[in-house]
């Protein structure tokens, strides 16, 4: 079973952050994946990813319209997308995972 982790964040951090997380969680469960999403919303960081979550993850999804700390994901397969894309087209994100179209994150340059 694939283990997916992710971070959802938008500038306002109210509805869209949580809608994106819910959309990704729903689609992952539909495919039989384990998933844990960290949300960076108006109330701060919730469901924070820990070292074990990151170490054991097969894929990382960043659905954000604001800056997210990404250095912790160096060396992991990572997909970056917008919050809107995660809400509306989670299936497209998971197609990339299914088709092994995910690049290893090497950090920001």
N, C-alpha and C. Protein backbone atom coordinates (compact mmCIF):
# COMPACT_ATOMS: atom_id res chain seq x y z
N UNK A 1 0.85 -1.18 0.00
CA UNK A 1 0.00 0.00 0.00
C UNK A 1 0.90 1.24 0.00
N UNK A 2 0.60 2.16 -0.92
CA UNK A 2 1.38 3.40 -0.97
C UNK A 2 1.00 4.30 0.19
N UNK A 3 2.03 4.98 0.70
CA UNK A 3 1.82 5.96 1.77
C UNK A 3 2.07 7.34 1.17
N UNK A 4 1.04 8.16 1.23
CA UNK A 4 1.10 9.50 0.68
C UNK A 4 1.06 10.49 1.85
N UNK A 5 1.91 11.51 1.77
CA UNK A 5 1.81 12.61 2.71
C UNK A 5 1.68 13.88 1.90
N UNK A 6 1.22 14.93 2.54
CA UNK A 6 1.07 16.17 1.81
C UNK A 6 0.93 17.36 2.73
N UNK A 7 1.03 18.52 2.10
CA UNK A 7 0.82 19.79 2.78
C UNK A 7 -0.14 20.61 1.93
N UNK A 8 -1.18 21.13 2.55
CA UNK A 8 -2.11 22.03 1.87
C UNK A 8 -2.05 23.37 2.58
N UNK A 9 -1.94 24.44 1.77
CA UNK A 9 -1.85 25.78 2.35
C UNK A 9 -2.29 26.81 1.32
N UNK A 10 -3.05 27.80 1.79
CA UNK A 10 -3.39 28.93 0.94
C UNK A 10 -3.22 30.20 1.77
N UNK A 11 -3.11 31.36 1.11
CA UNK A 11 -2.83 32.59 1.85
C UNK A 11 -3.85 32.90 2.95
N UNK A 12 -5.12 32.72 2.68
CA UNK A 12 -6.14 33.01 3.69
C UNK A 12 -6.20 31.87 4.72
N UNK A 13 -6.01 30.65 4.22
CA UNK A 13 -5.97 29.50 5.11
C UNK A 13 -7.29 29.18 5.79
N UNK A 14 -8.36 29.47 5.10
CA UNK A 14 -9.66 29.19 5.72
C UNK A 14 -10.27 27.99 5.01
N UNK A 15 -11.09 28.21 4.03
CA UNK A 15 -11.82 27.10 3.42
C UNK A 15 -10.99 26.27 2.45
N UNK A 16 -10.28 26.91 1.54
CA UNK A 16 -9.63 26.17 0.46
C UNK A 16 -8.56 25.21 0.94
N UNK A 17 -7.82 25.58 1.97
CA UNK A 17 -6.80 24.69 2.52
C UNK A 17 -7.45 23.36 2.91
N UNK A 18 -8.54 23.43 3.62
CA UNK A 18 -9.20 22.22 4.12
C UNK A 18 -9.95 21.48 3.03
N UNK A 19 -10.49 22.22 2.06
CA UNK A 19 -11.15 21.57 0.92
C UNK A 19 -10.13 20.76 0.12
N UNK A 20 -8.94 21.32 -0.08
CA UNK A 20 -7.89 20.60 -0.82
C UNK A 20 -7.48 19.35 -0.06
N UNK A 21 -7.28 19.47 1.24
CA UNK A 21 -6.89 18.31 2.05
C UNK A 21 -7.95 17.22 1.97
N UNK A 22 -9.21 17.62 2.10
CA UNK A 22 -10.31 16.65 2.05
C UNK A 22 -10.39 15.96 0.69
N UNK A 23 -10.19 16.72 -0.37
CA UNK A 23 -10.23 16.15 -1.72
C UNK A 23 -9.12 15.11 -1.91
N UNK A 24 -7.90 15.45 -1.48
CA UNK A 24 -6.79 14.51 -1.61
C UNK A 24 -7.00 13.28 -0.75
N UNK A 25 -7.48 13.47 0.47
CA UNK A 25 -7.74 12.33 1.35
C UNK A 25 -8.80 11.40 0.78
N UNK A 26 -9.85 11.98 0.27
CA UNK A 26 -10.94 11.18 -0.29
C UNK A 26 -10.44 10.35 -1.48
N UNK A 27 -9.68 10.97 -2.37
CA UNK A 27 -9.21 10.26 -3.56
C UNK A 27 -8.19 9.18 -3.20
N UNK A 28 -7.31 9.49 -2.26
CA UNK A 28 -6.31 8.50 -1.84
C UNK A 28 -6.98 7.27 -1.25
N UNK A 29 -7.96 7.49 -0.40
CA UNK A 29 -8.66 6.36 0.23
C UNK A 29 -9.41 5.54 -0.81
N UNK A 30 -9.94 6.22 -1.82
CA UNK A 30 -10.64 5.52 -2.91
C UNK A 30 -9.70 4.55 -3.61
N UNK A 31 -8.42 4.93 -3.70
CA UNK A 31 -7.42 4.09 -4.36
C UNK A 31 -6.75 3.10 -3.40
N UNK A 32 -7.12 3.17 -2.12
CA UNK A 32 -6.54 2.26 -1.15
C UNK A 32 -5.20 2.70 -0.59
N UNK A 33 -4.86 3.97 -0.71
CA UNK A 33 -3.61 4.49 -0.17
C UNK A 33 -3.81 4.97 1.26
N UNK A 34 -2.73 4.94 2.03
CA UNK A 34 -2.72 5.63 3.32
C UNK A 34 -2.34 7.08 3.02
N UNK A 35 -2.92 8.02 3.75
CA UNK A 35 -2.60 9.42 3.50
C UNK A 35 -2.66 10.22 4.79
N UNK A 36 -1.75 11.17 4.89
CA UNK A 36 -1.75 12.12 6.00
C UNK A 36 -1.43 13.49 5.40
N UNK A 37 -2.31 14.45 5.67
CA UNK A 37 -2.14 15.80 5.13
C UNK A 37 -1.94 16.80 6.27
N UNK A 38 -0.88 17.56 6.17
CA UNK A 38 -0.64 18.68 7.07
C UNK A 38 -1.33 19.90 6.47
N UNK A 39 -2.09 20.62 7.29
CA UNK A 39 -2.73 21.83 6.79
C UNK A 39 -2.09 23.05 7.45
N UNK A 40 -1.81 24.04 6.63
CA UNK A 40 -1.29 25.32 7.10
C UNK A 40 -2.40 26.33 6.86
N UNK A 41 -3.27 26.46 7.86
CA UNK A 41 -4.42 27.33 7.72
C UNK A 41 -4.39 28.51 8.67
N UNK A 42 -5.51 29.17 8.76
CA UNK A 42 -5.64 30.36 9.59
C UNK A 42 -5.32 30.05 11.06
N UNK A 43 -5.60 28.85 11.48
CA UNK A 43 -5.34 28.44 12.86
C UNK A 43 -3.94 27.91 13.08
N UNK A 44 -3.06 28.06 12.09
CA UNK A 44 -1.70 27.54 12.20
C UNK A 44 -1.58 26.16 11.56
N UNK A 45 -0.52 25.47 11.89
CA UNK A 45 -0.26 24.14 11.32
C UNK A 45 -1.03 23.10 12.13
N UNK A 46 -1.77 22.28 11.42
CA UNK A 46 -2.51 21.18 12.04
C UNK A 46 -2.07 19.88 11.39
N UNK A 47 -2.08 18.80 12.17
CA UNK A 47 -1.74 17.47 11.66
C UNK A 47 -0.30 17.46 11.12
N UNK A 48 0.60 18.11 11.84
CA UNK A 48 1.99 18.28 11.39
C UNK A 48 2.65 16.94 11.05
N UNK A 49 3.33 16.93 9.91
CA UNK A 49 4.07 15.74 9.49
C UNK A 49 5.32 15.62 10.35
N UNK A 50 5.58 14.42 10.85
CA UNK A 50 6.79 14.20 11.64
C UNK A 50 7.85 13.47 10.82
N UNK A 51 9.01 13.25 11.41
CA UNK A 51 10.12 12.61 10.68
C UNK A 51 9.73 11.23 10.15
N UNK A 52 9.02 10.45 10.96
CA UNK A 52 8.62 9.12 10.50
C UNK A 52 7.64 9.19 9.33
N UNK A 53 6.70 10.14 9.40
CA UNK A 53 5.76 10.31 8.28
C UNK A 53 6.53 10.54 6.99
N UNK A 54 7.50 11.42 7.06
CA UNK A 54 8.27 11.79 5.87
C UNK A 54 9.14 10.62 5.42
N UNK A 55 9.83 9.99 6.36
CA UNK A 55 10.72 8.87 6.02
C UNK A 55 9.96 7.73 5.36
N UNK A 56 8.75 7.44 5.85
CA UNK A 56 7.98 6.30 5.35
C UNK A 56 7.10 6.60 4.15
N UNK A 57 7.07 7.85 3.73
CA UNK A 57 6.19 8.23 2.61
C UNK A 57 6.75 7.77 1.28
N UNK A 58 5.85 7.31 0.42
CA UNK A 58 6.22 6.96 -0.95
C UNK A 58 6.18 8.18 -1.85
N UNK A 59 5.26 9.09 -1.57
CA UNK A 59 5.08 10.30 -2.39
C UNK A 59 4.63 11.44 -1.49
N UNK A 60 5.08 12.66 -1.85
CA UNK A 60 4.66 13.87 -1.16
C UNK A 60 3.88 14.74 -2.14
N UNK A 61 2.75 15.26 -1.70
CA UNK A 61 1.96 16.20 -2.50
C UNK A 61 1.94 17.54 -1.77
N UNK A 62 2.37 18.58 -2.47
CA UNK A 62 2.27 19.94 -1.93
C UNK A 62 1.19 20.64 -2.76
N UNK A 63 0.09 20.97 -2.12
CA UNK A 63 -0.99 21.72 -2.77
C UNK A 63 -1.05 23.06 -2.05
N UNK A 64 -0.38 24.05 -2.62
CA UNK A 64 -0.24 25.32 -1.90
C UNK A 64 -0.21 26.50 -2.85
N UNK A 65 -0.78 27.59 -2.38
CA UNK A 65 -0.74 28.86 -3.10
C UNK A 65 0.06 29.88 -2.29
N UNK A 66 0.86 29.38 -1.39
CA UNK A 66 1.73 30.19 -0.55
C UNK A 66 2.99 29.38 -0.27
N UNK A 67 3.97 29.97 0.37
CA UNK A 67 5.24 29.30 0.62
C UNK A 67 5.07 28.21 1.68
N UNK A 68 5.65 27.06 1.37
CA UNK A 68 5.63 25.92 2.28
C UNK A 68 7.08 25.48 2.47
N UNK A 69 7.43 25.11 3.69
CA UNK A 69 8.78 24.61 3.96
C UNK A 69 8.95 23.26 3.26
N UNK A 70 9.83 23.22 2.25
CA UNK A 70 9.98 22.01 1.44
C UNK A 70 11.29 21.26 1.66
N UNK A 71 12.27 21.88 2.32
CA UNK A 71 13.57 21.22 2.49
C UNK A 71 13.44 19.86 3.18
N UNK A 72 12.45 19.71 4.01
CA UNK A 72 12.27 18.43 4.72
C UNK A 72 11.90 17.29 3.79
N UNK A 73 11.55 17.62 2.53
CA UNK A 73 11.14 16.59 1.57
C UNK A 73 12.22 16.26 0.53
N UNK A 74 13.42 16.80 0.69
CA UNK A 74 14.51 16.51 -0.26
C UNK A 74 14.73 15.00 -0.30
N UNK A 75 14.82 14.48 -1.53
CA UNK A 75 15.05 13.06 -1.73
C UNK A 75 13.78 12.23 -1.87
N UNK A 76 12.61 12.87 -1.72
CA UNK A 76 11.34 12.16 -1.83
C UNK A 76 10.68 12.51 -3.17
N UNK A 77 9.93 11.58 -3.75
CA UNK A 77 9.12 11.93 -4.92
C UNK A 77 8.09 12.98 -4.50
N UNK A 78 8.02 14.08 -5.25
CA UNK A 78 7.18 15.20 -4.83
C UNK A 78 6.42 15.80 -6.01
N UNK A 79 5.14 16.05 -5.78
CA UNK A 79 4.28 16.73 -6.74
C UNK A 79 3.89 18.07 -6.13
N UNK A 80 4.07 19.14 -6.89
CA UNK A 80 3.61 20.46 -6.44
C UNK A 80 2.48 20.90 -7.33
N UNK A 81 1.42 21.42 -6.71
CA UNK A 81 0.26 21.87 -7.44
C UNK A 81 -0.42 22.98 -6.65
N UNK A 82 -1.45 23.53 -7.23
CA UNK A 82 -2.20 24.58 -6.54
C UNK A 82 -3.29 23.97 -5.67
N UNK A 83 -3.78 24.76 -4.74
CA UNK A 83 -4.91 24.33 -3.91
C UNK A 83 -6.12 24.06 -4.80
N UNK A 84 -6.36 24.93 -5.75
CA UNK A 84 -7.50 24.78 -6.65
C UNK A 84 -7.43 23.47 -7.42
N UNK A 85 -6.25 23.13 -7.92
CA UNK A 85 -6.08 21.88 -8.66
C UNK A 85 -6.37 20.68 -7.76
N UNK A 86 -5.94 20.74 -6.51
CA UNK A 86 -6.20 19.64 -5.58
C UNK A 86 -7.69 19.48 -5.29
N UNK A 87 -8.40 20.61 -5.23
CA UNK A 87 -9.83 20.56 -4.97
C UNK A 87 -10.58 20.02 -6.19
N UNK A 88 -10.25 20.53 -7.35
CA UNK A 88 -11.02 20.22 -8.56
C UNK A 88 -10.57 18.97 -9.31
N UNK A 89 -9.27 18.66 -9.24
CA UNK A 89 -8.73 17.59 -10.10
C UNK A 89 -7.78 16.66 -9.35
N UNK A 90 -8.17 16.21 -8.19
CA UNK A 90 -7.32 15.28 -7.43
C UNK A 90 -6.99 14.05 -8.28
N UNK A 91 -7.91 13.65 -9.13
CA UNK A 91 -7.66 12.47 -9.96
C UNK A 91 -6.44 12.65 -10.84
N UNK A 92 -6.20 13.86 -11.36
CA UNK A 92 -5.02 14.11 -12.18
C UNK A 92 -3.73 13.96 -11.39
N UNK A 93 -3.76 14.40 -10.14
CA UNK A 93 -2.59 14.28 -9.28
C UNK A 93 -2.28 12.81 -9.04
N UNK A 94 -3.31 12.03 -8.75
CA UNK A 94 -3.09 10.62 -8.47
C UNK A 94 -2.77 9.81 -9.73
N UNK A 95 -3.17 10.28 -10.90
CA UNK A 95 -2.76 9.63 -12.15
C UNK A 95 -1.25 9.71 -12.30
N UNK A 96 -0.66 10.85 -11.93
CA UNK A 96 0.80 10.99 -11.99
C UNK A 96 1.48 9.99 -11.06
N UNK A 97 0.90 9.79 -9.89
CA UNK A 97 1.46 8.83 -8.95
C UNK A 97 1.34 7.42 -9.52
N UNK A 98 0.16 7.08 -10.01
CA UNK A 98 -0.08 5.75 -10.58
C UNK A 98 0.84 5.46 -11.76
N UNK A 99 1.14 6.48 -12.55
CA UNK A 99 1.96 6.31 -13.75
C UNK A 99 3.45 6.57 -13.49
N UNK A 100 3.83 6.68 -12.22
CA UNK A 100 5.22 6.95 -11.84
C UNK A 100 5.80 8.17 -12.55
N UNK A 101 5.00 9.22 -12.63
CA UNK A 101 5.42 10.47 -13.27
C UNK A 101 5.75 11.53 -12.22
N UNK A 102 6.42 11.11 -11.17
CA UNK A 102 6.75 11.99 -10.06
C UNK A 102 8.26 12.07 -9.92
N UNK A 103 8.80 13.29 -9.94
CA UNK A 103 10.25 13.45 -9.85
C UNK A 103 10.71 13.55 -8.39
N UNK A 104 11.93 13.12 -8.17
CA UNK A 104 12.54 13.23 -6.84
C UNK A 104 12.86 14.70 -6.58
N UNK A 105 12.47 15.19 -5.43
CA UNK A 105 12.70 16.58 -5.06
C UNK A 105 14.15 16.76 -4.61
N UNK A 106 14.83 17.70 -5.25
CA UNK A 106 16.25 17.93 -4.96
C UNK A 106 16.48 19.24 -4.23
N UNK A 107 15.41 19.92 -3.86
CA UNK A 107 15.55 21.20 -3.17
C UNK A 107 15.39 22.37 -4.11
N UNK A 108 15.28 23.54 -3.53
CA UNK A 108 15.14 24.78 -4.31
C UNK A 108 16.51 25.27 -4.73
N UNK A 109 16.54 25.87 -5.88
CA UNK A 109 17.82 26.42 -6.37
C UNK A 109 17.80 27.90 -6.36
